[in-house]
């Protein structure tokens, strides 16, 4: 008489992680990683430094871009909406406009 195998149908609390790689002809690498319910897409340069990282979580998405330059261009508008916005520069900050520049706030501090 054969014994029946026992199959555990209970959900596992173990977090599964999987990675997939795409090696580009330029030498860059695209990596996708799934850890639990989070997804991560990473692009690395030929030396292995991260250039772009996109993390998708249950709380929302995160985008991180590293490089010598970052340019945003839109035909209509670029909007940033967050409870806090921080811009830091080790050198100059330049703001140029062909029309008015409006700065509104409860308190505006200069220097």
C-alpha atoms as a PDB file:
ATOM      1  CA  UNK A   1       0.000   0.000   0.000  1.00  0.00           C
ATOM      2  CA  UNK A   2       1.375   3.437  -1.029  1.00  0.00           C
ATOM      3  CA  UNK A   3       1.330   6.343   1.363  1.00  0.00           C
ATOM      4  CA  UNK A   4      -0.232   9.600   0.209  1.00  0.00           C
ATOM      5  CA  UNK A   5       1.948  12.666   0.015  1.00  0.00           C
ATOM      6  CA  UNK A   6       0.964  15.582   2.203  1.00  0.00           C
ATOM      7  CA  UNK A   7       0.687  18.915   0.420  1.00  0.00           C
ATOM      8  CA  UNK A   8       0.738  22.084   2.501  1.00  0.00           C
ATOM      9  CA  UNK A   9      -1.834  24.491   1.058  1.00  0.00           C
ATOM     10  CA  UNK A  10      -1.315  27.153   3.729  1.00  0.00           C
ATOM     11  CA  UNK A  11      -0.006  30.512   2.487  1.00  0.00           C
ATOM     12  CA  UNK A  12       3.709  30.840   3.000  1.00  0.00           C
ATOM     13  CA  UNK A  13       5.048  33.716   5.091  1.00  0.00           C
ATOM     14  CA  UNK A  14       8.401  33.364   3.333  1.00  0.00           C
ATOM     15  CA  UNK A  15       9.135  36.290   1.027  1.00  0.00           C
ATOM     16  CA  UNK A  16      10.104  35.071  -2.401  1.00  0.00           C
ATOM     17  CA  UNK A  17      12.695  37.038  -4.340  1.00  0.00           C
ATOM     18  CA  UNK A  18      13.532  36.652  -7.997  1.00  0.00           C
ATOM     19  CA  UNK A  19      15.864  38.513 -10.362  1.00  0.00           C
ATOM     20  CA  UNK A  20      16.045  38.725 -14.127  1.00  0.00           C
ATOM     21  CA  UNK A  21      18.847  40.320 -16.142  1.00  0.00           C
ATOM     22  CA  UNK A  22      19.013  41.885 -19.584  1.00  0.00           C
ATOM     23  CA  UNK A  23      22.515  42.604 -20.878  1.00  0.00           C
ATOM     24  CA  UNK A  24      22.500  45.400 -23.454  1.00  0.00           C
ATOM     25  CA  UNK A  25      24.988  45.610 -26.310  1.00  0.00           C
ATOM     26  CA  UNK A  26      26.239  48.913 -24.846  1.00  0.00           C
ATOM     27  CA  UNK A  27      27.455  47.047 -21.763  1.00  0.00           C
ATOM     28  CA  UNK A  28      24.659  48.358 -19.569  1.00  0.00           C
ATOM     29  CA  UNK A  29      22.558  45.937 -17.527  1.00  0.00           C
ATOM     30  CA  UNK A  30      18.824  46.053 -16.831  1.00  0.00           C
ATOM     31  CA  UNK A  31      17.801  44.112 -13.722  1.00  0.00           C
ATOM     32  CA  UNK A  32      14.302  43.403 -12.485  1.00  0.00           C
ATOM     33  CA  UNK A  33      13.892  42.187  -8.935  1.00  0.00           C
ATOM     34  CA  UNK A  34      10.698  41.088  -7.243  1.00  0.00           C
ATOM     35  CA  UNK A  35      10.724  40.918  -3.468  1.00  0.00           C
ATOM     36  CA  UNK A  36       7.353  40.145  -1.939  1.00  0.00           C
ATOM     37  CA  UNK A  37       4.903  42.639  -3.408  1.00  0.00           C
ATOM     38  CA  UNK A  38       7.663  45.122  -4.385  1.00  0.00           C
ATOM     39  CA  UNK A  39       9.142  45.346  -7.875  1.00  0.00           C
ATOM     40  CA  UNK A  40      12.479  47.008  -8.645  1.00  0.00           C
ATOM     41  CA  UNK A  41      13.884  47.886 -12.070  1.00  0.00           C
ATOM     42  CA  UNK A  42      17.535  48.957 -12.116  1.00  0.00           C
ATOM     43  CA  UNK A  43      19.748  50.100 -15.000  1.00  0.00           C
ATOM     44  CA  UNK A  44      23.485  49.997 -14.359  1.00  0.00           C
ATOM     45  CA  UNK A  45      26.325  51.348 -16.483  1.00  0.00           C
ATOM     46  CA  UNK A  46      29.299  49.332 -17.683  1.00  0.00           C
ATOM     47  CA  UNK A  47      31.135  49.887 -14.371  1.00  0.00           C
ATOM     48  CA  UNK A  48      28.156  48.655 -12.320  1.00  0.00           C
ATOM     49  CA  UNK A  49      27.014  52.078 -11.023  1.00  0.00           C
ATOM     50  CA  UNK A  50      23.246  52.576 -10.852  1.00  0.00           C
ATOM     51  CA  UNK A  51      21.922  55.022 -13.455  1.00  0.00           C
ATOM     52  CA  UNK A  52      18.154  54.552 -13.029  1.00  0.00           C
ATOM     53  CA  UNK A  53      16.184  52.849 -10.274  1.00  0.00           C
ATOM     54  CA  UNK A  54      12.394  52.454 -10.296  1.00  0.00           C
ATOM     55  CA  UNK A  55      10.789  50.890  -7.228  1.00  0.00           C
ATOM     56  CA  UNK A  56       7.103  49.941  -7.307  1.00  0.00           C
ATOM     57  CA  UNK A  57       5.578  49.351  -3.875  1.00  0.00           C
ATOM     58  CA  UNK A  58       2.118  49.112  -2.356  1.00  0.00           C
ATOM     59  CA  UNK A  59       2.669  52.666  -1.017  1.00  0.00           C
ATOM     60  CA  UNK A  60       3.512  54.063  -4.469  1.00  0.00           C
ATOM     61  CA  UNK A  61       6.392  54.363  -6.887  1.00  0.00           C
ATOM     62  CA  UNK A  62       9.876  55.832  -6.424  1.00  0.00           C
ATOM     63  CA  UNK A  63      12.170  57.058  -9.190  1.00  0.00           C
ATOM     64  CA  UNK A  64      15.888  57.679  -8.746  1.00  0.00           C
ATOM     65  CA  UNK A  65      18.076  58.912 -11.606  1.00  0.00           C
ATOM     66  CA  UNK A  66      21.849  59.350 -11.265  1.00  0.00           C
ATOM     67  CA  UNK A  67      24.113  60.882 -13.846  1.00  0.00           C
ATOM     68  CA  UNK A  68      25.995  63.928 -15.026  1.00  0.00           C
ATOM     69  CA  UNK A  69      22.861  65.707 -16.299  1.00  0.00           C
ATOM     70  CA  UNK A  70      19.095  65.466 -15.899  1.00  0.00           C
ATOM     71  CA  UNK A  71      16.840  67.300 -18.339  1.00  0.00           C
ATOM     72  CA  UNK A  72      13.053  67.544 -18.118  1.00  0.00           C
ATOM     73  CA  UNK A  73      11.180  68.926 -21.094  1.00  0.00           C
ATOM     74  CA  UNK A  74       7.453  69.346 -21.624  1.00  0.00           C
ATOM     75  CA  UNK A  75       5.439  71.210 -24.248  1.00  0.00           C
ATOM     76  CA  UNK A  76       2.936  72.476 -21.642  1.00  0.00           C
ATOM     77  CA  UNK A  77       3.918  72.185 -17.973  1.00  0.00           C
ATOM     78  CA  UNK A  78       6.119  70.424 -15.431  1.00  0.00           C
ATOM     79  CA  UNK A  79       4.529  70.096 -11.999  1.00  0.00           C
ATOM     80  CA  UNK A  80       6.015  69.025  -8.687  1.00  0.00           C
ATOM     81  CA  UNK A  81       3.497  68.334  -5.960  1.00  0.00           C
ATOM     82  CA  UNK A  82       4.613  67.094  -2.548  1.00  0.00           C
ATOM     83  CA  UNK A  83       4.335  68.070   1.114  1.00  0.00           C
ATOM     84  CA  UNK A  84       8.028  69.065   1.032  1.00  0.00           C
ATOM     85  CA  UNK A  85      10.268  69.946  -1.914  1.00  0.00           C
ATOM     86  CA  UNK A  86      14.014  70.287  -1.422  1.00  0.00           C
ATOM     87  CA  UNK A  87      16.463  71.539  -4.056  1.00  0.00           C
ATOM     88  CA  UNK A  88      20.136  71.498  -3.127  1.00  0.00           C
ATOM     89  CA  UNK A  89      23.099  72.623  -5.191  1.00  0.00           C
ATOM     90  CA  UNK A  90      26.812  72.747  -4.424  1.00  0.00           C
ATOM     91  CA  UNK A  91      27.184  75.501  -7.042  1.00  0.00           C
ATOM     92  CA  UNK A  92      24.866  78.091  -8.596  1.00  0.00           C
ATOM     93  CA  UNK A  93      21.076  77.855  -8.975  1.00  0.00           C
ATOM     94  CA  UNK A  94      19.678  79.747 -11.955  1.00  0.00           C
ATOM     95  CA  UNK A  95      16.023  80.502 -12.673  1.00  0.00           C
ATOM     96  CA  UNK A  96      15.233  82.090 -16.042  1.00  0.00           C
ATOM     97  CA  UNK A  97      11.831  83.092 -17.392  1.00  0.00           C
ATOM     98  CA  UNK A  98      10.659  85.062 -20.410  1.00  0.00           C
ATOM     99  CA  UNK A  99       7.738  86.327 -18.299  1.00  0.00           C
ATOM    100  CA  UNK A 100       7.001  86.935 -14.609  1.00  0.00           C
ATOM    101  CA  UNK A 101       8.427  84.797 -11.814  1.00  0.00           C
ATOM    102  CA  UNK A 102       5.966  84.394  -8.937  1.00  0.00           C
ATOM    103  CA  UNK A 103       7.002  83.206  -5.486  1.00  0.00           C
ATOM    104  CA  UNK A 104       4.193  82.778  -2.937  1.00  0.00           C
ATOM    105  CA  UNK A 105       4.443  81.546   0.608  1.00  0.00           C
ATOM    106  CA  UNK A 106       3.468  82.273   4.192  1.00  0.00           C
ATOM    107  CA  UNK A 107       7.065  83.356   4.842  1.00  0.00           C
ATOM    108  CA  UNK A 108       9.718  83.859   2.161  1.00  0.00           C
ATOM    109  CA  UNK A 109      13.270  83.851   3.505  1.00  0.00           C
ATOM    110  CA  UNK A 110      16.191  85.078   1.431  1.00  0.00           C
ATOM    111  CA  UNK A 111      19.651  84.428   2.897  1.00  0.00           C
END
